[in-house]
N, C-alpha and C. Protein backbone atom coordinates (compact mmCIF):
# COMPACT_ATOMS: atom_id res chain seq x y z
N MET A 1 30.47 14.93 14.79
CA MET A 1 29.09 15.38 14.83
C MET A 1 28.32 14.69 13.72
N LYS A 2 27.06 14.36 13.97
CA LYS A 2 26.21 13.75 12.96
C LYS A 2 24.99 14.62 12.69
N SER A 3 24.56 14.60 11.43
CA SER A 3 23.33 15.29 11.04
C SER A 3 22.61 14.37 10.08
N GLY A 4 21.41 13.99 10.42
CA GLY A 4 20.65 13.08 9.57
C GLY A 4 21.34 11.74 9.38
N GLY A 5 22.10 11.30 10.37
CA GLY A 5 22.80 10.03 10.30
C GLY A 5 24.12 10.08 9.56
N LEU A 6 24.51 11.25 9.03
CA LEU A 6 25.76 11.40 8.30
C LEU A 6 26.78 12.15 9.15
N GLU A 7 28.05 11.74 9.02
CA GLU A 7 29.12 12.48 9.69
C GLU A 7 29.19 13.87 9.08
N ALA A 8 29.32 14.88 9.93
CA ALA A 8 29.31 16.26 9.45
C ALA A 8 30.30 17.12 10.21
N GLU A 9 30.77 18.17 9.55
CA GLU A 9 31.54 19.24 10.18
C GLU A 9 30.59 20.42 10.36
N ILE A 10 30.86 21.22 11.37
CA ILE A 10 30.05 22.43 11.57
C ILE A 10 30.93 23.64 11.30
N TRP A 11 30.48 24.48 10.40
CA TRP A 11 31.16 25.74 10.11
C TRP A 11 30.29 26.84 10.69
N GLN A 12 30.92 27.81 11.39
CA GLN A 12 30.13 28.82 12.10
C GLN A 12 30.75 30.20 11.95
N VAL A 13 29.89 31.20 11.85
CA VAL A 13 30.29 32.61 11.79
C VAL A 13 29.42 33.36 12.77
N ARG A 14 30.04 34.24 13.55
CA ARG A 14 29.29 35.09 14.49
C ARG A 14 29.68 36.54 14.24
N ASP A 15 28.71 37.42 14.36
CA ASP A 15 28.99 38.85 14.29
C ASP A 15 27.90 39.58 15.06
N ALA A 16 27.87 40.90 14.93
CA ALA A 16 26.90 41.70 15.69
C ALA A 16 25.46 41.37 15.31
N ARG A 17 25.25 40.89 14.08
CA ARG A 17 23.89 40.57 13.63
C ARG A 17 23.39 39.24 14.17
N GLY A 18 24.31 38.33 14.47
CA GLY A 18 23.89 37.03 14.96
C GLY A 18 24.88 35.93 14.65
N ARG A 19 24.35 34.74 14.32
CA ARG A 19 25.19 33.56 14.11
C ARG A 19 24.64 32.76 12.94
N ARG A 20 25.54 32.27 12.11
CA ARG A 20 25.18 31.36 11.04
C ARG A 20 26.00 30.10 11.19
N LYS A 21 25.33 28.95 11.18
CA LYS A 21 26.00 27.65 11.29
C LYS A 21 25.59 26.79 10.10
N VAL A 22 26.55 26.08 9.54
CA VAL A 22 26.28 25.17 8.44
C VAL A 22 26.88 23.81 8.78
N TRP A 23 26.05 22.76 8.72
CA TRP A 23 26.53 21.39 8.87
C TRP A 23 26.85 20.90 7.46
N VAL A 24 28.09 20.48 7.23
CA VAL A 24 28.53 20.04 5.91
C VAL A 24 28.98 18.59 6.01
N SER A 25 28.58 17.76 5.04
CA SER A 25 28.96 16.34 5.08
C SER A 25 30.48 16.22 5.14
N ALA A 26 30.97 15.30 5.97
CA ALA A 26 32.40 15.13 6.17
C ALA A 26 33.06 14.39 5.01
N LYS A 27 32.29 13.66 4.24
CA LYS A 27 32.82 12.90 3.11
C LYS A 27 32.34 13.50 1.80
N GLU A 28 33.07 13.15 0.72
CA GLU A 28 32.67 13.62 -0.62
C GLU A 28 31.37 12.97 -1.03
N PRO A 29 30.51 13.63 -1.71
CA PRO A 29 30.60 15.05 -2.04
C PRO A 29 30.22 15.90 -0.83
N ARG A 30 30.95 16.99 -0.63
CA ARG A 30 30.73 17.87 0.52
C ARG A 30 29.50 18.74 0.23
N VAL A 31 28.40 18.43 0.85
CA VAL A 31 27.15 19.16 0.63
C VAL A 31 26.59 19.64 1.96
N PRO A 32 25.82 20.74 1.95
CA PRO A 32 25.20 21.20 3.19
C PRO A 32 24.10 20.23 3.63
N LEU A 33 24.06 19.97 4.92
CA LEU A 33 23.03 19.10 5.50
C LEU A 33 22.02 19.90 6.31
N ARG A 34 22.51 20.98 6.93
CA ARG A 34 21.63 21.84 7.73
C ARG A 34 22.22 23.24 7.76
N ILE A 35 21.34 24.24 7.76
CA ILE A 35 21.75 25.62 7.95
C ILE A 35 20.92 26.17 9.10
N GLU A 36 21.59 26.83 10.03
CA GLU A 36 20.90 27.44 11.17
C GLU A 36 21.29 28.90 11.23
N THR A 37 20.31 29.77 11.35
CA THR A 37 20.55 31.21 11.43
C THR A 37 19.91 31.75 12.70
N PHE A 38 20.71 32.45 13.51
CA PHE A 38 20.19 33.13 14.70
C PHE A 38 20.34 34.62 14.46
N THR A 39 19.24 35.37 14.59
CA THR A 39 19.25 36.82 14.43
C THR A 39 19.09 37.46 15.79
N ARG A 40 20.12 38.20 16.21
CA ARG A 40 20.10 38.82 17.54
C ARG A 40 18.94 39.80 17.70
N ALA A 41 18.72 40.66 16.71
CA ALA A 41 17.69 41.70 16.83
C ALA A 41 16.32 41.10 17.11
N ALA A 42 16.01 40.00 16.45
CA ALA A 42 14.70 39.37 16.63
C ALA A 42 14.72 38.30 17.71
N GLY A 43 15.93 37.84 18.07
CA GLY A 43 16.02 36.76 19.05
C GLY A 43 15.47 35.45 18.51
N GLU A 44 15.55 35.27 17.19
CA GLU A 44 14.96 34.08 16.56
C GLU A 44 16.02 33.19 15.91
N THR A 45 15.75 31.89 15.97
CA THR A 45 16.60 30.91 15.31
C THR A 45 15.77 30.17 14.26
N HIS A 46 16.33 30.03 13.07
CA HIS A 46 15.67 29.31 11.98
C HIS A 46 16.60 28.22 11.48
N GLN A 47 16.04 27.05 11.20
CA GLN A 47 16.81 25.92 10.68
C GLN A 47 16.24 25.46 9.35
N LEU A 48 17.15 25.06 8.47
CA LEU A 48 16.77 24.49 7.19
C LEU A 48 17.56 23.21 7.02
N ASP A 49 16.87 22.07 6.90
CA ASP A 49 17.52 20.78 6.73
C ASP A 49 17.42 20.33 5.28
N TYR A 50 18.55 19.86 4.75
CA TYR A 50 18.60 19.30 3.40
C TYR A 50 18.65 17.79 3.52
N SER A 51 17.86 17.10 2.72
CA SER A 51 17.87 15.64 2.76
C SER A 51 17.62 15.10 1.36
N ASN A 52 17.90 13.83 1.19
CA ASN A 52 17.64 13.15 -0.08
C ASN A 52 18.35 13.79 -1.28
N TRP A 53 19.64 14.12 -1.08
CA TRP A 53 20.43 14.65 -2.19
C TRP A 53 20.46 13.63 -3.32
N ILE A 54 20.34 14.09 -4.55
CA ILE A 54 20.44 13.23 -5.72
C ILE A 54 21.61 13.73 -6.56
N PHE A 55 22.51 12.83 -6.91
CA PHE A 55 23.69 13.19 -7.68
C PHE A 55 23.63 12.52 -9.05
N ASP A 56 24.34 13.10 -10.01
CA ASP A 56 24.42 12.56 -11.37
C ASP A 56 23.05 12.45 -12.03
N LEU A 57 22.18 13.36 -11.71
CA LEU A 57 20.84 13.40 -12.30
C LEU A 57 20.95 14.04 -13.68
N GLU A 58 20.51 13.35 -14.69
CA GLU A 58 20.57 13.89 -16.04
C GLU A 58 19.29 14.66 -16.34
N LEU A 59 19.47 15.90 -16.78
CA LEU A 59 18.35 16.77 -17.14
C LEU A 59 18.50 17.18 -18.59
N PRO A 60 17.43 17.20 -19.35
CA PRO A 60 17.52 17.64 -20.74
C PRO A 60 17.88 19.12 -20.81
N ALA A 61 18.57 19.52 -21.87
CA ALA A 61 18.99 20.92 -22.03
C ALA A 61 17.80 21.86 -21.96
N GLY A 62 16.65 21.46 -22.46
CA GLY A 62 15.46 22.29 -22.44
C GLY A 62 14.95 22.61 -21.04
N PHE A 63 15.37 21.85 -20.07
CA PHE A 63 14.95 22.08 -18.69
C PHE A 63 15.34 23.48 -18.22
N PHE A 64 16.46 24.00 -18.74
CA PHE A 64 16.98 25.29 -18.29
C PHE A 64 16.57 26.45 -19.19
N ARG A 65 15.81 26.18 -20.24
CA ARG A 65 15.32 27.25 -21.13
C ARG A 65 14.04 27.85 -20.53
N PRO A 66 13.96 29.18 -20.55
CA PRO A 66 12.72 29.80 -20.05
C PRO A 66 11.58 29.54 -21.02
N PRO A 67 10.36 29.55 -20.53
CA PRO A 67 9.20 29.38 -21.41
C PRO A 67 9.12 30.52 -22.43
N ALA A 68 8.44 30.29 -23.52
CA ALA A 68 8.26 31.31 -24.55
C ALA A 68 7.63 32.56 -23.93
N GLY A 69 8.13 33.70 -24.34
CA GLY A 69 7.59 34.97 -23.84
C GLY A 69 8.26 35.47 -22.58
N ILE A 70 9.16 34.69 -22.01
CA ILE A 70 9.88 35.12 -20.80
C ILE A 70 11.27 35.58 -21.21
N ALA A 71 11.60 36.82 -20.88
CA ALA A 71 12.92 37.37 -21.20
C ALA A 71 13.77 37.41 -19.93
N LEU A 72 14.99 36.92 -20.03
CA LEU A 72 15.92 36.95 -18.90
C LEU A 72 16.94 38.05 -19.12
N GLU A 73 17.39 38.65 -18.03
CA GLU A 73 18.39 39.69 -18.10
C GLU A 73 19.56 39.29 -17.23
N MET A 74 20.77 39.39 -17.75
CA MET A 74 21.97 39.02 -17.01
C MET A 74 22.46 40.23 -16.23
N LEU A 75 22.65 40.06 -14.92
CA LEU A 75 23.16 41.13 -14.07
C LEU A 75 24.44 40.66 -13.39
N GLU A 76 25.41 41.53 -13.30
CA GLU A 76 26.60 41.25 -12.50
C GLU A 76 26.25 41.58 -11.05
N TYR A 77 26.99 41.00 -10.13
CA TYR A 77 26.69 41.17 -8.71
C TYR A 77 26.64 42.66 -8.34
N GLU A 78 27.58 43.44 -8.83
CA GLU A 78 27.65 44.87 -8.49
C GLU A 78 26.38 45.60 -8.95
N GLU A 79 25.83 45.19 -10.08
CA GLU A 79 24.61 45.82 -10.60
C GLU A 79 23.39 45.46 -9.74
N TYR A 80 23.39 44.27 -9.17
CA TYR A 80 22.27 43.77 -8.39
C TYR A 80 22.12 44.51 -7.08
N GLU A 81 23.25 44.85 -6.46
CA GLU A 81 23.21 45.52 -5.16
C GLU A 81 22.46 46.78 -5.28
């Protein structure tokens, strides 16, 4: 299977809520190329295509610091639910 001209594998999950499909590049690095979600209740399908992946991009450490006056709080997954 191809997605955006790249060889891809399709991973799929189905349940009572609907279907989720992910096209993943067949070669390293294994990255998502497309995500498709079908919701049974709404009868709707949505697609999200990823393109122009950039690897080995160097970002300064300050890129990940929040702006002054912004406080971040760390939550564990169980706390978030």
